[in-house]
Amino acid sequence: MKLKQRPEDFSVTESWRFDQDPRGAWFVYLMDKQKLSTFEAVERICARAGVQPAEVSYCGLKDKQGRTTQLVAVRRKPVDLQDPDLRLKPLGRTGAPLSAVNTTSNRFAVTVRDLSEEDVARLPAAVAEVQRIGVVDYFDSQRFGSLKHGQGFLVKDLMRGDAEAALRNHLARPSELDRTADARVKTFWKEHWGEWQLKNPYPGAERYAPVLRWLRLHPQDFLGAFLRTEPRWRGLQVFAYQSWLWNEGVKQYLRDVVGVSRLVSIRYQAGTLLFPRALEPAQARLLHRRTFPLLAPDSRFDDPAVEKAALSVLGREDMTLASLAVPGAPQIHFDHEERPLLVVPGKLVVSEPSRDELNKGRLRVNVAFTLPPGAYATLVVKRLFWWTLTPGPEAKKPAKPPRPTAEELHAKRRETGFLAKKRARKAARAKPAR
């Protein structure tokens, strides 16, 4: 199974609402973006409008790998932006910044590629399971970009009191997967760590200007420098670690309540996820009304099974609820929130299979459905095709032959090189004819 081979293979349309106010301070737009994260789109809007990130609001983060539409609002500044990959359509004005409450649902249309005939034959049973049980409301790989790029959970560095490590991971750890100018910016600071008086010559270095200004005045205050990052980005670092704790806690809860034999395992960026394929009626009723907490120091539990699962994950991390804080930085904090354990996709439709023009001899299908805000469409698709993502031993690649030594290369050239051919021709001419 392959997803997002083309931007148009993954589209999201946000269903929204906001209160119109002709004199409102916030200009509201429908943002149509392609192959851009919400943060990247907002950054471009700020540059075009000449405003700060805090003066741009939105309902939530949308996937980078695809084409998405969502609301965005700019404070006291009309903006005209019609780039090929980012367009704004004016919708009106409102009196308050946008937030998650302005989103009612998201409609997804996904093309799933590189399928075999067996995959297509198994799909109807998987669709029936998803419609009957739903999908565990995990956070998918998109939430864990810092793991993908080798930075780890930055907030864990801060919780341990190692602000320098957190700042290094943010400012000076280029990703091997990153082909943008940002990788060159980070490589520069990796090579010149502590030389804050230098000017980074690469495009995009200005993104880190507030951090560098602080370091030039306070060279050893790494926590203070970290606090000069964009507040919503900092909040996302906390939420990433909270999300991983949630995923791990829910996995343990499902093992305890449902049993391992009824669960299937699916790979993702941060490890594996577990999904039930069958539930007893009582289990189904329990899970459909169950929530599981995003942990914070003030988290409280009304279900012993939930408490046991959640605290067991903290125990593995050598932490307690009280550990979920950053010493000396109340600006960076964990907030308790309950998240539904299961989500049921609405209006789930699967097309008939057709030839996959991008993968020779394979098939593709189109899948469409709605989800509430905060749920991950990629997880619905992965659950529908779970058998293609089940962990297992990777096929061993044939071992590469050892590189020949210098002596072996020399001997080979003596046998097949130019001089060898010349000697062969000379010997052939000297050979008497019969």
Protein backbone atom coordinates (compact mmCIF):
# COMPACT_ATOMS: atom_id res chain seq x y z
CA MET A 1 0.00 0.00 0.00
CA LYS A 2 1.19 3.50 -0.86
CA LEU A 3 -0.28 6.85 0.15
CA LYS A 4 0.33 10.39 -1.09
CA GLN A 5 2.31 9.51 -4.21
CA ARG A 6 0.77 12.66 -5.70
CA PRO A 7 -0.50 15.73 -3.83
CA GLU A 8 -3.99 15.17 -5.22
CA ASP A 9 -4.01 11.65 -3.74
CA PHE A 10 -4.81 13.14 -0.33
CA SER A 11 -7.27 16.00 0.01
CA VAL A 12 -8.91 17.48 3.10
CA THR A 13 -11.84 19.87 3.18
CA GLU A 14 -12.57 21.53 6.49
CA SER A 15 -16.21 22.11 7.48
CA TRP A 16 -16.27 25.33 9.43
CA ARG A 17 -18.33 28.05 11.03
CA PHE A 18 -17.59 31.51 12.36
CA ASP A 19 -19.61 34.54 13.46
CA GLN A 20 -19.59 37.23 10.80
CA ASP A 21 -18.79 40.73 12.07
CA PRO A 22 -18.35 43.42 9.39
CA ARG A 23 -16.21 45.45 11.81
CA GLY A 24 -14.36 42.52 13.33
CA ALA A 25 -10.61 42.74 13.85
CA TRP A 26 -9.90 39.42 12.12
CA PHE A 27 -10.03 39.04 8.32
CA VAL A 28 -11.10 35.45 7.55
CA TYR A 29 -9.92 33.50 4.49
CA LEU A 30 -10.36 30.05 3.04
CA MET A 31 -6.78 28.83 2.64
CA ASP A 32 -6.06 26.32 -0.12
CA LYS A 33 -2.56 24.86 0.26
CA GLN A 34 -0.59 22.09 -1.40
CA LYS A 35 2.59 20.37 -0.15
CA LEU A 36 2.86 22.89 2.69
CA SER A 37 2.42 22.40 6.41
CA THR A 38 0.10 24.82 8.22
CA PHE A 39 3.15 26.36 9.93
CA GLU A 40 4.88 26.92 6.56
CA ALA A 41 1.73 28.47 5.12
CA VAL A 42 1.35 30.80 8.10
CA GLU A 43 5.00 31.79 7.82
CA ARG A 44 4.45 32.85 4.21
CA ILE A 45 1.29 34.77 5.10
CA CYS A 46 3.21 36.63 7.82
CA ALA A 47 5.97 37.55 5.38
CA ARG A 48 3.50 38.72 2.74
CA ALA A 49 1.31 40.70 5.15
CA GLY A 50 4.13 41.99 7.36
CA VAL A 51 2.59 40.62 10.57
CA GLN A 52 3.77 38.48 13.47
CA PRO A 53 2.74 34.79 13.81
CA ALA A 54 0.53 35.67 16.79
CA GLU A 55 -1.57 37.82 14.43
CA VAL A 56 -2.56 34.80 12.32
CA SER A 57 -5.05 32.29 13.72
CA TYR A 58 -6.37 28.97 12.39
CA CYS A 59 -8.53 26.07 13.50
CA GLY A 60 -5.94 23.29 13.47
CA LEU A 61 -2.96 21.77 11.73
CA LYS A 62 -3.48 20.12 8.35
CA ASP A 63 -1.31 17.56 6.61
CA LYS A 64 1.63 18.77 4.53
CA GLN A 65 1.58 15.87 2.08
CA GLY A 66 -1.56 16.63 0.15
CA ARG A 67 -4.00 19.35 -0.83
CA THR A 68 -5.99 20.84 2.03
CA THR A 69 -8.44 23.68 2.60
CA GLN A 70 -8.97 25.32 5.97
CA LEU A 71 -9.89 28.62 7.60
CA VAL A 72 -7.23 31.15 8.50
CA ALA A 73 -7.64 34.67 9.90
CA VAL A 74 -5.28 37.67 9.93
CA ARG A 75 -5.63 40.40 12.52
CA ARG A 76 -6.36 43.90 11.18
CA LYS A 77 -4.63 43.25 7.86
CA PRO A 78 -6.26 42.26 4.56
CA VAL A 79 -3.99 39.96 2.54
CA ASP A 80 -3.90 39.14 -1.17
CA LEU A 81 -2.05 35.87 -1.74
CA GLN A 82 -2.49 33.78 -4.89
CA ASP A 83 0.60 31.58 -5.20
CA PRO A 84 0.42 28.28 -7.12
CA ASP A 85 0.70 26.27 -3.87
CA LEU A 86 -1.03 28.70 -1.50
CA ARG A 87 -4.19 30.70 -2.16
CA LEU A 88 -6.40 32.79 0.11
CA LYS A 89 -10.09 33.43 -0.63
CA PRO A 90 -11.70 36.21 1.47
CA LEU A 91 -14.75 35.07 3.43
CA GLY A 92 -15.46 38.03 5.70
CA ARG A 93 -14.48 39.29 9.15
CA THR A 94 -14.96 38.10 12.69
CA GLY A 95 -14.40 39.53 16.14
CA ALA A 96 -12.26 36.76 17.68
CA PRO A 97 -9.28 34.62 16.59
CA LEU A 98 -10.05 31.23 15.11
CA SER A 99 -9.60 28.04 17.14
CA ALA A 100 -10.61 24.38 17.06
CA VAL A 101 -14.19 25.30 17.98
CA ASN A 102 -14.60 26.82 14.50
CA THR A 103 -14.19 23.39 12.87
CA THR A 104 -17.15 20.99 12.80
CA SER A 105 -15.60 18.13 10.80
CA ASN A 106 -13.13 17.26 8.04
CA ARG A 107 -13.96 15.45 4.81
CA PHE A 108 -11.16 13.33 3.35
CA ALA A 109 -10.66 11.88 -0.11
CA VAL A 110 -7.71 9.49 -0.31
CA THR A 111 -6.30 7.48 -3.21
CA VAL A 112 -4.71 4.25 -1.99
CA ARG A 113 -2.18 2.82 -4.46
CA ASP A 114 0.04 -0.19 -5.08
CA LEU A 115 -2.59 -2.77 -4.10
CA SER A 116 -2.69 -6.42 -5.10
CA GLU A 117 -5.82 -8.35 -6.05
CA GLU A 118 -5.61 -10.04 -2.65
CA ASP A 119 -5.57 -6.64 -0.91
CA VAL A 120 -8.71 -5.61 -2.77
CA ALA A 121 -10.41 -8.93 -1.96
CA ARG A 122 -9.75 -8.46 1.77
CA LEU A 123 -10.99 -4.87 1.82
CA PRO A 124 -14.77 -5.44 2.24
CA ALA A 125 -14.22 -7.36 5.50
CA ALA A 126 -11.96 -4.58 6.81
CA VAL A 127 -14.55 -1.94 5.88
CA ALA A 128 -17.20 -3.88 7.81
CA GLU A 129 -14.91 -4.04 10.88
CA VAL A 130 -14.25 -0.31 10.79
CA GLN A 131 -17.93 0.50 10.41
CA ARG A 132 -18.80 -1.82 13.30
CA ILE A 133 -15.98 -1.04 15.73
CA GLY A 134 -14.47 2.24 14.56
CA VAL A 135 -10.77 3.13 14.73
CA VAL A 136 -8.68 3.75 17.83
CA ASP A 137 -8.19 7.52 17.95
CA TYR A 138 -4.38 7.41 18.09
CA PHE A 139 -2.06 10.20 17.03
CA ASP A 140 -0.38 9.19 13.77
CA SER A 141 3.15 9.67 12.45
CA GLN A 142 2.55 13.30 11.41
CA ARG A 143 2.50 14.24 15.10
CA PHE A 144 6.04 12.90 15.57
CA GLY A 145 8.09 14.76 12.97
CA SER A 146 10.86 15.39 15.52
CA LEU A 147 11.39 11.61 15.75
CA LYS A 148 11.47 11.25 11.99
CA HIS A 149 14.15 13.94 11.75
CA GLY A 150 16.29 12.56 14.58
CA GLN A 151 15.60 15.30 17.14
CA GLY A 152 13.70 13.20 19.67
CA PHE A 153 11.19 14.77 22.05
CA LEU A 154 12.60 18.23 22.77
CA VAL A 155 10.41 18.69 25.83
CA LYS A 156 12.05 15.66 27.47
CA ASP A 157 15.40 17.44 27.27
CA LEU A 158 13.79 20.44 28.96
CA MET A 159 12.14 18.28 31.64
CA ARG A 160 15.56 16.80 32.46
CA GLY A 161 16.92 20.33 32.86
CA ASP A 162 19.13 20.08 29.76
CA ALA A 163 17.98 23.16 27.85
CA GLU A 164 21.20 23.20 25.79
CA ALA A 165 20.39 19.75 24.38
CA ALA A 166 16.85 20.87 23.53
CA LEU A 167 18.16 23.99 21.78
CA ARG A 168 20.82 22.01 19.89
CA ASN A 169 18.17 19.60 18.66
CA HIS A 170 16.06 22.51 17.47
CA LEU A 171 18.72 24.84 16.10
CA ALA A 172 21.69 22.67 15.14
CA ARG A 173 20.54 19.16 14.22
CA PRO A 174 19.89 19.03 10.46
CA SER A 175 17.77 16.16 9.26
CA GLU A 176 19.21 13.76 6.70
CA LEU A 177 15.76 13.83 5.07
CA ASP A 178 15.61 17.62 4.79
CA ARG A 179 16.58 19.02 1.38
CA THR A 180 15.51 22.59 2.13
CA ALA A 181 17.60 25.63 3.03
CA ASP A 182 16.70 25.04 6.68
CA ALA A 183 19.07 22.06 6.75
CA ARG A 184 21.94 24.34 5.69
CA VAL A 185 20.96 26.86 8.36
CA LYS A 186 21.13 24.15 11.02
CA THR A 187 24.36 22.71 9.66
CA PHE A 188 25.94 26.17 10.02
CA TRP A 189 25.01 26.38 13.73
CA LYS A 190 26.09 22.77 14.26
CA GLU A 191 29.54 23.71 12.99
CA HIS A 192 29.62 27.05 14.82
CA TRP A 193 27.85 26.25 18.10
CA GLY A 194 28.53 28.99 20.63
CA GLU A 195 29.81 31.47 18.03
CA TRP A 196 26.66 33.52 18.27
CA GLN A 197 28.29 36.70 16.91
CA LEU A 198 28.49 35.08 13.45
CA LYS A 199 25.90 35.76 10.78
CA ASN A 200 24.31 32.69 9.26
CA PRO A 201 24.54 33.24 5.48
CA TYR A 202 21.80 30.84 4.39
CA PRO A 203 18.21 31.71 3.39
CA GLY A 204 15.75 31.12 6.21
CA ALA A 205 18.21 31.93 9.00
CA GLU A 206 15.99 34.86 9.98
CA ARG A 207 13.45 32.35 11.31
CA TYR A 208 15.72 31.87 14.32
CA ALA A 209 16.55 35.56 14.80
CA PRO A 210 14.82 35.98 18.21
CA VAL A 211 16.75 32.97 19.57
CA LEU A 212 20.08 34.29 18.28
CA ARG A 213 19.47 37.80 19.58
CA TRP A 214 18.97 36.34 23.06
CA LEU A 215 22.08 34.16 22.84
CA ARG A 216 24.25 37.09 21.80
CA LEU A 217 23.20 38.88 24.99
CA HIS A 218 23.07 35.78 27.23
CA PRO A 219 25.42 33.16 25.68
CA GLN A 220 24.77 30.47 28.32
CA ASP A 221 21.03 31.01 28.90
CA PHE A 222 19.78 28.19 26.68
CA LEU A 223 16.38 27.97 28.39
CA GLY A 224 15.83 31.68 27.86
CA ALA A 225 16.77 31.24 24.21
CA PHE A 226 14.36 28.32 23.83
CA LEU A 227 11.60 30.51 25.25
CA ARG A 228 12.17 32.91 22.33
CA THR A 229 10.77 30.33 19.90
CA GLU A 230 7.25 30.75 18.55
CA PRO A 231 4.75 29.90 21.36
CA ARG A 232 2.50 27.68 19.25
CA TRP A 233 5.52 25.70 18.05
CA ARG A 234 6.64 25.26 21.69
CA GLY A 235 3.18 24.04 22.60
CA LEU A 236 3.40 21.50 19.81
CA GLN A 237 6.59 20.06 21.34
CA VAL A 238 4.71 19.41 24.59
CA PHE A 239 1.74 17.97 22.70
CA ALA A 240 3.98 15.60 20.72
CA TYR A 241 5.28 13.96 23.88
CA GLN A 242 1.79 13.95 25.46
CA SER A 243 0.49 12.29 22.28
CA TRP A 244 3.12 9.56 22.46
CA LEU A 245 2.26 8.92 26.12
CA TRP A 246 -1.42 8.73 25.10
CA ASN A 247 -0.69 6.22 22.34
CA GLU A 248 1.40 4.03 24.63
CA GLY A 249 -1.16 4.22 27.44
CA VAL A 250 -4.05 3.27 25.16
CA LYS A 251 -2.08 0.31 23.80
CA GLN A 252 -1.58 -0.96 27.34
CA TYR A 253 -5.26 -0.38 28.17
CA LEU A 254 -6.35 -2.38 25.10
CA ARG A 255 -4.03 -5.25 26.05
CA ASP A 256 -5.55 -5.31 29.54
CA VAL A 257 -9.21 -4.89 28.56
CA VAL A 258 -9.52 -6.51 25.12
CA GLY A 259 -6.66 -9.02 25.14
CA VAL A 260 -3.73 -9.37 22.79
CA SER A 261 -5.36 -12.15 20.74
CA ARG A 262 -8.06 -9.75 19.49
CA LEU A 263 -5.62 -7.02 18.48
CA VAL A 264 -3.62 -6.40 15.31
CA SER A 265 -0.39 -4.42 15.24
CA ILE A 266 0.41 -1.70 12.69
CA ARG A 267 3.73 0.08 12.18
CA TYR A 268 4.05 3.86 12.44
CA GLN A 269 6.74 6.50 13.01
CA ALA A 270 7.01 6.01 16.77
CA GLY A 271 6.75 2.20 16.88
CA THR A 272 3.55 0.18 16.60
CA LEU A 273 -0.16 0.71 17.27
CA LEU A 274 -2.76 -1.86 18.30
CA PHE A 275 -6.30 -2.07 16.89
CA PRO A 276 -9.15 -4.43 17.84
CA ARG A 277 -10.61 -6.56 15.05
CA ALA A 278 -13.39 -8.04 17.17
CA LEU A 279 -15.09 -7.02 20.41
CA GLU A 280 -17.62 -8.57 22.74
CA PRO A 281 -20.81 -6.47 22.94
CA ALA A 282 -19.94 -5.31 26.47
CA GLN A 283 -16.40 -4.37 25.37
CA ALA A 284 -17.76 -2.43 22.40
CA ARG A 285 -20.13 -0.43 24.61
CA LEU A 286 -17.32 0.29 27.08
CA LEU A 287 -14.78 1.44 24.49
CA HIS A 288 -17.24 3.60 22.55
CA ARG A 289 -17.96 5.71 25.60
CA ARG A 290 -14.45 5.59 27.04
CA THR A 291 -12.02 8.51 26.93
CA PHE A 292 -8.32 8.37 27.79
CA PRO A 293 -6.37 11.32 29.22
CA LEU A 294 -3.59 13.39 27.78
CA LEU A 295 -1.54 13.45 30.94
CA ALA A 296 -0.62 16.47 33.05
CA PRO A 297 0.41 17.01 36.69
CA ASP A 298 -3.23 17.56 37.68
CA SER A 299 -4.61 14.46 35.89
CA ARG A 300 -7.15 12.45 37.91
CA PHE A 301 -8.66 9.06 37.09
CA ASP A 302 -12.13 7.61 37.64
CA ASP A 303 -11.33 4.21 36.12
CA PRO A 304 -8.67 1.98 37.75
CA ALA A 305 -7.88 0.30 34.41
CA VAL A 306 -7.18 3.65 32.77
CA GLU A 307 -5.07 4.77 35.72
CA LYS A 308 -3.05 1.57 35.69
CA ALA A 309 -2.35 1.80 31.94
CA ALA A 310 -1.47 5.50 31.98
CA LEU A 311 0.81 5.32 35.00
CA SER A 312 2.55 2.20 33.70
CA VAL A 313 3.79 4.20 30.72
CA LEU A 314 5.08 6.97 32.97
CA GLY A 315 6.79 4.28 35.04
CA ARG A 316 8.59 2.98 31.96
CA GLU A 317 9.76 6.55 31.38
CA ASP A 318 10.93 6.76 35.02
CA MET A 319 8.42 9.56 35.61
CA THR A 320 5.37 10.45 37.69
CA LEU A 321 2.58 12.91 36.96
CA ALA A 322 4.55 15.54 38.87
CA SER A 323 7.47 15.05 36.44
CA LEU A 324 5.41 16.53 33.60
CA ALA A 325 6.81 20.04 33.97
CA VAL A 326 9.78 22.08 32.81
CA PRO A 327 11.83 23.49 35.73
CA GLY A 328 12.05 27.26 35.61
CA ALA A 329 9.67 27.62 32.64
CA PRO A 330 5.99 27.81 33.61
CA GLN A 331 5.35 29.03 30.05
CA ILE A 332 5.89 25.43 28.91
CA HIS A 333 3.23 23.33 30.58
CA PHE A 334 1.21 20.13 30.22
CA ASP A 335 -2.59 20.51 30.19
CA HIS A 336 -4.95 17.66 31.00
CA GLU A 337 -7.41 16.77 28.24
CA GLU A 338 -9.68 13.80 27.64
CA ARG A 339 -9.62 12.25 24.16
CA PRO A 340 -12.13 9.68 22.85
CA LEU A 341 -10.69 6.18 22.68
CA LEU A 342 -12.53 5.28 19.46
CA VAL A 343 -13.68 7.32 16.48
CA VAL A 344 -16.11 6.07 13.82
CA PRO A 345 -15.57 7.46 10.30
CA GLY A 346 -18.74 8.97 8.83
CA LYS A 347 -20.01 8.47 5.30
CA LEU A 348 -17.32 5.90 4.52
CA VAL A 349 -17.26 5.13 0.80
CA VAL A 350 -14.80 2.92 -1.11
CA SER A 351 -14.64 2.94 -4.92
CA GLU A 352 -14.29 -0.03 -7.22
CA PRO A 353 -10.63 -0.91 -7.87
CA SER A 354 -8.97 0.36 -11.02
CA ARG A 355 -5.57 0.13 -12.69
CA ASP A 356 -2.85 2.02 -10.84
CA GLU A 357 -1.12 4.17 -13.44
CA LEU A 358 1.82 4.86 -11.11
CA ASN A 359 2.59 1.26 -10.11
CA LYS A 360 2.70 -1.20 -13.01
CA GLY A 361 0.49 -4.25 -12.60
CA ARG A 362 -1.09 -2.96 -9.39
CA LEU A 363 -4.49 -1.56 -8.41
CA ARG A 364 -5.79 1.56 -6.68
CA VAL A 365 -8.98 2.51 -4.85
CA ASN A 366 -10.43 5.80 -3.67
CA VAL A 367 -11.62 6.10 -0.08
CA ALA A 368 -13.73 8.98 1.26
CA PHE A 369 -15.04 9.65 4.77
CA THR A 370 -15.54 12.33 7.43
CA LEU A 371 -13.86 12.61 10.81
CA PRO A 372 -14.23 14.97 13.77
CA PRO A 373 -11.48 17.57 14.33
CA GLY A 374 -8.25 16.10 15.66
CA ALA A 375 -8.71 12.58 14.26
CA TYR A 376 -6.22 11.20 11.71
CA ALA A 377 -7.41 10.11 8.27
CA THR A 378 -4.19 8.21 7.64
CA LEU A 379 -5.04 5.91 10.56
CA VAL A 380 -8.42 5.07 9.04
CA VAL A 381 -6.70 4.07 5.80
CA LYS A 382 -4.02 2.11 7.64
CA ARG A 383 -6.68 0.27 9.63
CA LEU A 384 -8.54 -0.60 6.42
CA PHE A 385 -5.35 -2.12 4.98
CA TRP A 386 -3.81 -3.26 8.27
CA TRP A 387 -2.25 -6.46 6.88
CA THR A 388 0.06 -4.41 4.62
CA LEU A 389 1.59 -2.70 7.70
CA THR A 390 1.90 -5.58 10.13
CA PRO A 391 5.38 -5.67 11.67
CA GLY A 392 7.56 -8.56 10.57
CA PRO A 393 11.11 -9.45 9.71
CA GLU A 394 12.30 -7.41 6.79
CA ALA A 395 13.32 -9.34 3.73
CA LYS A 396 17.05 -9.76 3.75
CA LYS A 397 18.78 -8.00 0.93
CA PRO A 398 21.44 -10.03 -0.86
CA ALA A 399 24.83 -9.27 0.61
CA LYS A 400 27.00 -7.06 -1.53
CA PRO A 401 30.19 -8.75 -2.76
CA PRO A 402 33.31 -7.51 -0.95
CA ARG A 403 35.21 -4.73 -2.67
CA PRO A 404 38.29 -6.07 -4.47
CA THR A 405 41.70 -5.24 -3.01
CA ALA A 406 44.25 -3.10 -4.85
CA GLU A 407 46.24 -6.23 -5.73
CA GLU A 408 43.13 -7.92 -7.17
CA LEU A 409 42.30 -4.84 -9.23
CA HIS A 410 45.86 -4.75 -10.58
CA ALA A 411 45.76 -8.43 -11.53
CA LYS A 412 42.38 -7.91 -13.21
CA ARG A 413 43.73 -5.05 -15.27
CA ARG A 414 46.72 -7.20 -16.32
CA GLU A 415 44.25 -9.76 -17.67
CA THR A 416 41.68 -7.46 -19.31
CA GLY A 417 43.24 -4.02 -19.66
CA PHE A 418 44.61 -2.21 -22.73
CA LEU A 419 48.10 -3.73 -22.49
CA ALA A 420 46.67 -7.22 -22.11
CA LYS A 421 44.61 -6.76 -25.28
CA LYS A 422 47.67 -5.40 -27.11
CA ARG A 423 49.72 -8.46 -26.06
CA ALA A 424 46.93 -10.76 -27.24
CA ARG A 425 46.79 -9.12 -30.68
CA LYS A 426 50.60 -9.36 -30.99
CA ALA A 427 50.55 -13.03 -30.06
CA ALA A 428 47.80 -13.68 -32.61
CA ARG A 429 49.83 -12.08 -35.43
CA ALA A 430 52.93 -14.07 -34.50
CA LYS A 431 51.06 -17.38 -34.53
CA PRO A 432 51.93 -19.34 -37.73
CA ALA A 433 49.10 -20.08 -40.14
CA ARG A 434 48.19 -23.72 -40.69
